[in-house]
C-alpha atoms as a PDB file:
ATOM      1  CA  MET A   1       0.233  15.750 -27.856  1.00  0.00           C
ATOM      2  CA  SER A   2       2.211  13.965 -30.460  1.00  0.00           C
ATOM      3  CA  SER A   3       5.068  13.773 -28.418  1.00  0.00           C
ATOM      4  CA  LEU A   4       3.425  12.352 -25.095  1.00  0.00           C
ATOM      5  CA  GLU A   5       1.629   9.761 -27.521  1.00  0.00           C
ATOM      6  CA  GLY A   6       5.789   8.448 -28.976  1.00  0.00           C
ATOM      7  CA  ILE A   7       6.666   8.242 -25.426  1.00  0.00           C
ATOM      8  CA  GLU A   8       3.467   6.060 -24.066  1.00  0.00           C
ATOM      9  CA  LYS A   9       4.275   3.353 -26.780  1.00  0.00           C
ATOM     10  CA  GLN A  10       7.699   2.890 -26.350  1.00  0.00           C
ATOM     11  CA  THR A  11       8.083  -0.539 -24.861  1.00  0.00           C
ATOM     12  CA  ASP A  12      10.032  -1.143 -20.777  1.00  0.00           C
ATOM     13  CA  ASP A  13      12.773  -2.581 -22.917  1.00  0.00           C
ATOM     14  CA  GLN A  14      13.108   0.763 -24.922  1.00  0.00           C
ATOM     15  CA  ASN A  15      13.276   2.532 -21.694  1.00  0.00           C
ATOM     16  CA  HIS A  16      15.441   0.455 -19.827  1.00  0.00           C
ATOM     17  CA  LEU A  17      13.131  -0.021 -17.287  1.00  0.00           C
ATOM     18  CA  GLU A  18      13.909  -3.414 -14.971  1.00  0.00           C
ATOM     19  CA  THR A  19      10.845  -5.261 -13.077  1.00  0.00           C
ATOM     20  CA  PRO A  20      11.123  -4.536  -9.481  1.00  0.00           C
ATOM     21  CA  VAL A  21      11.894  -7.456  -7.364  1.00  0.00           C
ATOM     22  CA  LEU A  22       9.034  -8.325  -4.389  1.00  0.00           C
ATOM     23  CA  ASP A  23      10.263  -7.838  -1.155  1.00  0.00           C
ATOM     24  CA  GLN A  24       8.183 -10.650   0.753  1.00  0.00           C
ATOM     25  CA  ALA A  25      10.066  -9.642   4.293  1.00  0.00           C
ATOM     26  CA  TRP A  26       9.044  -6.019   3.659  1.00  0.00           C
ATOM     27  CA  VAL A  27       5.347  -7.240   2.831  1.00  0.00           C
ATOM     28  CA  ASP A  28       5.320  -9.383   5.639  1.00  0.00           C
ATOM     29  CA  GLN A  29       6.647  -6.667   8.345  1.00  0.00           C
ATOM     30  CA  THR A  30       4.045  -3.985   7.063  1.00  0.00           C
ATOM     31  CA  THR A  31       1.144  -6.381   7.113  1.00  0.00           C
ATOM     32  CA  LEU A  32       2.034  -7.240  10.412  1.00  0.00           C
ATOM     33  CA  LYS A  33       2.482  -3.686  12.126  1.00  0.00           C
ATOM     34  CA  THR A  34      -0.703  -2.950  10.095  1.00  0.00           C
ATOM     35  CA  SER A  35      -3.041  -5.680  11.260  1.00  0.00           C
ATOM     36  CA  ASN A  36      -1.911  -4.659  14.829  1.00  0.00           C
ATOM     37  CA  GLN A  37      -2.910  -0.931  14.353  1.00  0.00           C
ATOM     38  CA  LEU A  38      -5.918  -2.122  12.887  1.00  0.00           C
ATOM     39  CA  ASP A  39      -6.628  -4.239  15.847  1.00  0.00           C
ATOM     40  CA  PHE A  40      -5.380  -1.919  18.267  1.00  0.00           C
ATOM     41  CA  LEU A  41      -7.767   0.952  16.333  1.00  0.00           C
ATOM     42  CA  LEU A  42     -10.966  -0.895  16.496  1.00  0.00           C
ATOM     43  CA  SER A  43     -10.472  -1.957  19.967  1.00  0.00           C
ATOM     44  CA  GLU A  44     -10.052   1.911  21.024  1.00  0.00           C
ATOM     45  CA  TYR A  45     -13.163   2.928  18.498  1.00  0.00           C
ATOM     46  CA  LYS A  46     -15.508  -0.018  20.675  1.00  0.00           C
ATOM     47  CA  LYS A  47     -13.902   1.203  24.007  1.00  0.00           C
ATOM     48  CA  GLN A  48     -14.934   4.639  23.164  1.00  0.00           C
ATOM     49  CA  LYS A  49     -18.628   3.550  21.654  1.00  0.00           C
ATOM     50  CA  ASP A  50     -19.462   1.714  25.341  1.00  0.00           C
ATOM     51  CA  GLU A  51     -18.604   4.777  27.173  1.00  0.00           C
ATOM     52  CA  GLY A  52     -20.286   6.770  25.323  1.00  0.00           C
ATOM     53  CA  VAL A  53     -23.688   5.264  25.403  1.00  0.00           C
ATOM     54  CA  LYS A  54     -23.764   5.325  28.842  1.00  0.00           C
END
């Protein structure tokens, strides 16, 4: 366990890790896709719910 604790205490500079860059185009594209899919699924759910009541 002591070796794991030592690794956790190291800073990012010591591990030579860089902060990832935010890809705003990917975020926008993914958000649009998921929003469209959510709208479709919600409308499909409502349709199925309405048809099931009959």
